[in-house]
Amino acid sequence: MVNANKADDLSLIKRFKASDASAFDEIILKYQDRIYNVCRYMLGNAQDAEDAAQDTFIKAYRNLRNFRPDSSLYTWLYRIAVNTCLDYKKRPFFASIYRGARGDDEVMNELPSDDPSPERIYESKQTCHVLRMSLKQLSEKFRTVLILKEIEGLSYEEIAEVLDISIGIVKSRISRAREELKQQLKKFMEQK
């Protein structure tokens, strides 16, 4: 499946380089949801995630002719998205919003429930809130690897490629991030 997917991506890139504009539209359709999701988790709200995802595809469009097939299109787009999100967070206006000027409740959707009772819904929202607040306490490098691994489901190799770091560093950061997240969750639970 992965090889077929990579072959399909390489075919799209080849068509794009041959001036077939519809090939890039196909790339967007194929990856827009995944790119939006990583931006949403990294930036914390829908509007900023939409903007960052759009910027990601604009950057990809401008640079696709320079794409080297030694990496997958998927991880190349993720690298652009992660870097775009990190750039967004460096902007003074965004930094104040990210720290909580906007409502934090829109960061994650409520967890699905088999029992739609009000108690279950409240519990799911509380769990999401505690997890979100705990994730916010992690450093950017730890939060990013956890989002890419646990939420986006990337492999260690893909994360290493996206972040341009070694697999050993990825594994180390994920291990340390999980440990720090456990400590943050424990703190939040003790405060209740």
C-alpha atoms as a PDB file:
ATOM      1  CA  MET A   1       0.000   0.000   0.000  1.00  0.00           C
ATOM      2  CA  VAL A   2       2.755   2.438   0.919  1.00  0.00           C
ATOM      3  CA  ASN A   3       4.686   1.736  -2.305  1.00  0.00           C
ATOM      4  CA  ALA A   4       1.508   2.081  -4.381  1.00  0.00           C
ATOM      5  CA  ASN A   5       0.751   5.337  -2.603  1.00  0.00           C
ATOM      6  CA  LYS A   6       4.270   6.647  -3.232  1.00  0.00           C
ATOM      7  CA  ALA A   7       4.036   5.610  -6.897  1.00  0.00           C
ATOM      8  CA  ASP A   8       0.700   7.418  -7.168  1.00  0.00           C
ATOM      9  CA  ASP A   9       2.242  10.534  -5.579  1.00  0.00           C
ATOM     10  CA  LEU A  10       5.223  10.401  -7.936  1.00  0.00           C
ATOM     11  CA  SER A  11       2.819  10.150 -10.875  1.00  0.00           C
ATOM     12  CA  LEU A  12       0.966  13.243  -9.631  1.00  0.00           C
ATOM     13  CA  ILE A  13       4.241  15.141  -9.238  1.00  0.00           C
ATOM     14  CA  LYS A  14       5.349  14.123 -12.720  1.00  0.00           C
ATOM     15  CA  ARG A  15       2.038  15.353 -14.149  1.00  0.00           C
ATOM     16  CA  PHE A  16       2.384  18.615 -12.213  1.00  0.00           C
ATOM     17  CA  LYS A  17       5.899  19.159 -13.545  1.00  0.00           C
ATOM     18  CA  ALA A  18       4.506  18.556 -17.047  1.00  0.00           C
ATOM     19  CA  SER A  19       2.149  21.543 -16.453  1.00  0.00           C
ATOM     20  CA  ASP A  20      -0.967  19.511 -15.607  1.00  0.00           C
ATOM     21  CA  ALA A  21      -2.624  21.831 -13.056  1.00  0.00           C
ATOM     22  CA  SER A  22      -5.226  19.217 -12.148  1.00  0.00           C
ATOM     23  CA  ALA A  23      -2.471  17.084 -10.593  1.00  0.00           C
ATOM     24  CA  PHE A  24      -1.991  19.594  -7.793  1.00  0.00           C
ATOM     25  CA  ASP A  25      -5.748  19.674  -7.204  1.00  0.00           C
ATOM     26  CA  GLU A  26      -5.583  15.911  -6.716  1.00  0.00           C
ATOM     27  CA  ILE A  27      -2.725  16.316  -4.232  1.00  0.00           C
ATOM     28  CA  ILE A  28      -4.789  18.822  -2.256  1.00  0.00           C
ATOM     29  CA  LEU A  29      -7.833  16.545  -2.231  1.00  0.00           C
ATOM     30  CA  LYS A  30      -5.714  13.609  -1.132  1.00  0.00           C
ATOM     31  CA  TYR A  31      -3.962  15.351   1.769  1.00  0.00           C
ATOM     32  CA  GLN A  32      -6.042  18.363   2.806  1.00  0.00           C
ATOM     33  CA  ASP A  33      -7.785  16.677   5.733  1.00  0.00           C
ATOM     34  CA  ARG A  34      -4.573  15.288   7.206  1.00  0.00           C
ATOM     35  CA  ILE A  35      -2.736  18.599   6.823  1.00  0.00           C
ATOM     36  CA  TYR A  36      -5.654  20.504   8.341  1.00  0.00           C
ATOM     37  CA  ASN A  37      -5.742  18.098  11.305  1.00  0.00           C
ATOM     38  CA  VAL A  38      -2.072  18.497  12.149  1.00  0.00           C
ATOM     39  CA  CYS A  39      -2.448  22.279  11.883  1.00  0.00           C
ATOM     40  CA  ARG A  40      -5.538  22.176  14.101  1.00  0.00           C
ATOM     41  CA  TYR A  41      -3.753  20.253  16.832  1.00  0.00           C
ATOM     42  CA  MET A  42      -0.657  22.406  16.633  1.00  0.00           C
ATOM     43  CA  LEU A  43      -2.405  25.776  16.512  1.00  0.00           C
ATOM     44  CA  GLY A  44      -5.418  25.144  18.669  1.00  0.00           C
ATOM     45  CA  ASN A  45      -8.317  26.448  16.601  1.00  0.00           C
ATOM     46  CA  ALA A  46     -10.097  25.960  13.319  1.00  0.00           C
ATOM     47  CA  GLN A  47      -9.529  29.350  11.695  1.00  0.00           C
ATOM     48  CA  ASP A  48      -5.777  29.397  12.247  1.00  0.00           C
ATOM     49  CA  ALA A  49      -5.574  25.773  11.126  1.00  0.00           C
ATOM     50  CA  GLU A  50      -7.403  26.613   7.883  1.00  0.00           C
ATOM     51  CA  ASP A  51      -5.030  29.504   7.238  1.00  0.00           C
ATOM     52  CA  ALA A  52      -1.952  27.410   8.006  1.00  0.00           C
ATOM     53  CA  ALA A  53      -3.174  24.511   5.853  1.00  0.00           C
ATOM     54  CA  GLN A  54      -3.808  26.901   2.980  1.00  0.00           C
ATOM     55  CA  ASP A  55      -0.335  28.423   3.429  1.00  0.00           C
ATOM     56  CA  THR A  56       1.113  24.911   3.486  1.00  0.00           C
ATOM     57  CA  PHE A  57      -0.377  24.104   0.100  1.00  0.00           C
ATOM     58  CA  ILE A  58       0.682  27.454  -1.341  1.00  0.00           C
ATOM     59  CA  LYS A  59       4.264  26.756  -0.239  1.00  0.00           C
ATOM     60  CA  ALA A  60       4.019  23.228  -1.616  1.00  0.00           C
ATOM     61  CA  TYR A  61       2.749  24.531  -4.956  1.00  0.00           C
ATOM     62  CA  ARG A  62       5.645  26.986  -5.196  1.00  0.00           C
ATOM     63  CA  ASN A  63       8.234  24.335  -4.334  1.00  0.00           C
ATOM     64  CA  LEU A  64       6.856  21.126  -5.833  1.00  0.00           C
ATOM     65  CA  ARG A  65       9.088  21.406  -8.895  1.00  0.00           C
ATOM     66  CA  ASN A  66      12.062  21.058  -6.504  1.00  0.00           C
ATOM     67  CA  PHE A  67      10.620  18.023  -4.709  1.00  0.00           C
ATOM     68  CA  ARG A  68      13.112  15.167  -4.410  1.00  0.00           C
ATOM     69  CA  PRO A  69      11.551  11.699  -4.471  1.00  0.00           C
ATOM     70  CA  ASP A  70      13.921  10.375  -1.787  1.00  0.00           C
ATOM     71  CA  SER A  71      11.180  11.306   0.700  1.00  0.00           C
ATOM     72  CA  SER A  72       7.459  10.731   0.417  1.00  0.00           C
ATOM     73  CA  LEU A  73       5.142  13.529  -0.622  1.00  0.00           C
ATOM     74  CA  TYR A  74       3.172  12.869   2.542  1.00  0.00           C
ATOM     75  CA  THR A  75       6.079  13.571   4.895  1.00  0.00           C
ATOM     76  CA  TRP A  76       7.263  16.502   2.762  1.00  0.00           C
ATOM     77  CA  LEU A  77       3.834  18.158   3.124  1.00  0.00           C
ATOM     78  CA  TYR A  78       3.825  17.429   6.867  1.00  0.00           C
ATOM     79  CA  ARG A  79       7.212  19.083   7.242  1.00  0.00           C
ATOM     80  CA  ILE A  80       5.899  22.186   5.471  1.00  0.00           C
ATOM     81  CA  ALA A  81       2.769  22.157   7.674  1.00  0.00           C
ATOM     82  CA  VAL A  82       4.728  21.770  10.924  1.00  0.00           C
ATOM     83  CA  ASN A  83       7.124  24.564   9.964  1.00  0.00           C
ATOM     84  CA  THR A  84       4.225  26.794   8.916  1.00  0.00           C
ATOM     85  CA  CYS A  85       2.510  26.219  12.268  1.00  0.00           C
ATOM     86  CA  LEU A  86       5.716  26.944  14.157  1.00  0.00           C
ATOM     87  CA  ASP A  87       6.071  30.185  12.165  1.00  0.00           C
ATOM     88  CA  TYR A  88       2.484  31.123  13.035  1.00  0.00           C
ATOM     89  CA  LYS A  89       3.214  30.652  16.722  1.00  0.00           C
ATOM     90  CA  LYS A  90       6.178  33.027  16.496  1.00  0.00           C
ATOM     91  CA  ARG A  91       3.972  35.894  15.352  1.00  0.00           C
ATOM     92  CA  PRO A  92       3.261  38.284  18.249  1.00  0.00           C
ATOM     93  CA  PHE A  93      -0.476  38.470  17.548  1.00  0.00           C
ATOM     94  CA  PHE A  94      -0.839  34.715  17.320  1.00  0.00           C
ATOM     95  CA  ALA A  95       1.225  34.097  20.427  1.00  0.00           C
ATOM     96  CA  SER A  96      -1.239  36.091  22.551  1.00  0.00           C
ATOM     97  CA  ILE A  97      -4.191  34.236  21.038  1.00  0.00           C
ATOM     98  CA  TYR A  98      -2.542  30.844  21.519  1.00  0.00           C
ATOM     99  CA  ARG A  99      -1.959  31.534  25.207  1.00  0.00           C
ATOM    100  CA  GLY A 100      -5.672  31.684  25.815  1.00  0.00           C
ATOM    101  CA  ALA A 101      -7.250  34.897  24.581  1.00  0.00           C
ATOM    102  CA  ARG A 102      -9.505  32.686  22.454  1.00  0.00           C
ATOM    103  CA  GLY A 103     -11.779  30.045  23.872  1.00  0.00           C
ATOM    104  CA  ASP A 104      -9.805  26.854  24.364  1.00  0.00           C
ATOM    105  CA  ASP A 105     -12.867  24.640  23.961  1.00  0.00           C
ATOM    106  CA  GLU A 106     -12.557  24.520  20.195  1.00  0.00           C
ATOM    107  CA  VAL A 107      -9.144  22.834  20.184  1.00  0.00           C
ATOM    108  CA  MET A 108     -10.362  19.250  20.268  1.00  0.00           C
ATOM    109  CA  ASN A 109     -13.679  17.763  19.418  1.00  0.00           C
ATOM    110  CA  GLU A 110     -15.587  15.933  22.059  1.00  0.00           C
ATOM    111  CA  LEU A 111     -14.718  12.256  22.248  1.00  0.00           C
ATOM    112  CA  PRO A 112     -17.298   9.960  20.679  1.00  0.00           C
ATOM    113  CA  SER A 113     -19.595   8.269  23.154  1.00  0.00           C
ATOM    114  CA  ASP A 114     -21.620   5.074  23.018  1.00  0.00           C
ATOM    115  CA  ASP A 115     -23.888   6.514  25.696  1.00  0.00           C
ATOM    116  CA  PRO A 116     -25.030  10.046  24.845  1.00  0.00           C
ATOM    117  CA  SER A 117     -26.048  10.835  28.401  1.00  0.00           C
ATOM    118  CA  PRO A 118     -25.231  14.333  29.715  1.00  0.00           C
ATOM    119  CA  GLU A 119     -22.908  12.826  32.315  1.00  0.00           C
ATOM    120  CA  ARG A 120     -20.913  10.986  29.653  1.00  0.00           C
ATOM    121  CA  ILE A 121     -20.699  14.102  27.491  1.00  0.00           C
ATOM    122  CA  TYR A 122     -19.508  16.168  30.464  1.00  0.00           C
ATOM    123  CA  GLU A 123     -16.923  13.539  31.358  1.00  0.00           C
ATOM    124  CA  SER A 124     -15.623  13.468  27.767  1.00  0.00           C
ATOM    125  CA  LYS A 125     -15.329  17.244  27.690  1.00  0.00           C
ATOM    126  CA  GLN A 126     -13.492  17.243  31.009  1.00  0.00           C
ATOM    127  CA  THR A 127     -11.090  14.561  29.794  1.00  0.00           C
ATOM    128  CA  CYS A 128     -10.376  16.531  26.610  1.00  0.00           C
ATOM    129  CA  HIS A 129      -9.870  19.695  28.621  1.00  0.00           C
ATOM    130  CA  VAL A 130      -7.412  18.036  31.013  1.00  0.00           C
ATOM    131  CA  LEU A 131      -5.517  16.432  28.124  1.00  0.00           C
ATOM    132  CA  ARG A 132      -5.437  19.709  26.181  1.00  0.00           C
ATOM    133  CA  MET A 133      -4.188  21.659  29.188  1.00  0.00           C
ATOM    134  CA  SER A 134      -1.572  19.001  29.908  1.00  0.00           C
ATOM    135  CA  LEU A 135      -0.370  19.056  26.294  1.00  0.00           C
ATOM    136  CA  LYS A 136      -0.094  22.844  26.447  1.00  0.00           C
ATOM    137  CA  GLN A 137       2.356  22.518  29.330  1.00  0.00           C
ATOM    138  CA  LEU A 138       4.785  20.471  27.232  1.00  0.00           C
ATOM    139  CA  SER A 139       7.585  22.168  25.324  1.00  0.00           C
ATOM    140  CA  GLU A 140       6.953  22.683  21.616  1.00  0.00           C
ATOM    141  CA  LYS A 141       9.359  19.916  20.586  1.00  0.00           C
ATOM    142  CA  PHE A 142       7.662  17.357  22.852  1.00  0.00           C
ATOM    143  CA  ARG A 143       4.124  18.433  21.975  1.00  0.00           C
ATOM    144  CA  THR A 144       4.925  18.252  18.249  1.00  0.00           C
ATOM    145  CA  VAL A 145       6.294  14.685  18.335  1.00  0.00           C
ATOM    146  CA  LEU A 146       3.335  13.498  20.421  1.00  0.00           C
ATOM    147  CA  ILE A 147       0.826  15.066  18.032  1.00  0.00           C
ATOM    148  CA  LEU A 148       2.555  13.543  15.021  1.00  0.00           C
ATOM    149  CA  LYS A 149       2.859  10.099  16.648  1.00  0.00           C
ATOM    150  CA  GLU A 150      -0.279   9.688  18.737  1.00  0.00           C
ATOM    151  CA  ILE A 151      -2.814  11.859  16.950  1.00  0.00           C
ATOM    152  CA  GLU A 152      -1.629  11.780  13.345  1.00  0.00           C
ATOM    153  CA  GLY A 153      -0.269   8.226  13.500  1.00  0.00           C
ATOM    154  CA  LEU A 154       3.055   8.876  11.783  1.00  0.00           C
ATOM    155  CA  SER A 155       5.832   6.310  12.112  1.00  0.00           C
ATOM    156  CA  TYR A 156       9.134   7.144  13.790  1.00  0.00           C
ATOM    157  CA  GLU A 157      10.750   7.349  10.355  1.00  0.00           C
ATOM    158  CA  GLU A 158       8.101   9.750   9.052  1.00  0.00           C
ATOM    159  CA  ILE A 159       8.396  11.971  12.126  1.00  0.00           C
ATOM    160  CA  ALA A 160      12.173  12.043  11.733  1.00  0.00           C
ATOM    161  CA  GLU A 161      11.751  13.084   8.123  1.00  0.00           C
ATOM    162  CA  VAL A 162       9.105  15.722   8.907  1.00  0.00           C
ATOM    163  CA  LEU A 163      11.159  17.297  11.686  1.00  0.00           C
ATOM    164  CA  ASP A 164      14.537  16.672  10.037  1.00  0.00           C
ATOM    165  CA  ILE A 165      15.945  14.879  13.078  1.00  0.00           C
ATOM    166  CA  SER A 166      17.261  11.351  13.650  1.00  0.00           C
ATOM    167  CA  ILE A 167      15.009   8.430  14.563  1.00  0.00           C
ATOM    168  CA  GLY A 168      16.884   8.133  17.859  1.00  0.00           C
ATOM    169  CA  ILE A 169      15.989  11.710  18.755  1.00  0.00           C
ATOM    170  CA  VAL A 170      12.368  11.059  17.773  1.00  0.00           C
ATOM    171  CA  LYS A 171      12.186   8.021  20.056  1.00  0.00           C
ATOM    172  CA  SER A 172      13.863   9.907  22.884  1.00  0.00           C
ATOM    173  CA  ARG A 173      11.540  12.899  22.548  1.00  0.00           C
ATOM    174  CA  ILE A 174       8.450  10.714  22.410  1.00  0.00           C
ATOM    175  CA  SER A 175       9.549   8.826  25.507  1.00  0.00           C
ATOM    176  CA  ARG A 176      10.303  12.037  27.395  1.00  0.00           C
ATOM    177  CA  ALA A 177       7.110  13.678  26.116  1.00  0.00           C
ATOM    178  CA  ARG A 178       4.991  10.757  27.329  1.00  0.00           C
ATOM    179  CA  GLU A 179       6.669  10.912  30.721  1.00  0.00           C
ATOM    180  CA  GLU A 180       6.147  14.668  31.003  1.00  0.00           C
ATOM    181  CA  LEU A 181       2.542  14.311  29.833  1.00  0.00           C
ATOM    182  CA  LYS A 182       1.930  11.716  32.570  1.00  0.00           C
ATOM    183  CA  GLN A 183       3.347  14.147  35.130  1.00  0.00           C
ATOM    184  CA  GLN A 184       1.193  17.002  33.815  1.00  0.00           C
ATOM    185  CA  LEU A 185      -1.925  14.819  33.850  1.00  0.00           C
ATOM    186  CA  LYS A 186      -1.129  13.750  37.386  1.00  0.00           C
ATOM    187  CA  LYS A 187      -0.828  17.411  38.462  1.00  0.00           C
ATOM    188  CA  PHE A 188      -4.164  18.300  36.899  1.00  0.00           C
ATOM    189  CA  MET A 189      -5.857  15.298  38.498  1.00  0.00           C
ATOM    190  CA  GLU A 190      -4.447  16.170  41.925  1.00  0.00           C
ATOM    191  CA  GLN A 191      -5.835  19.704  41.616  1.00  0.00           C
ATOM    192  CA  LYS A 192      -9.365  18.364  41.217  1.00  0.00           C
END
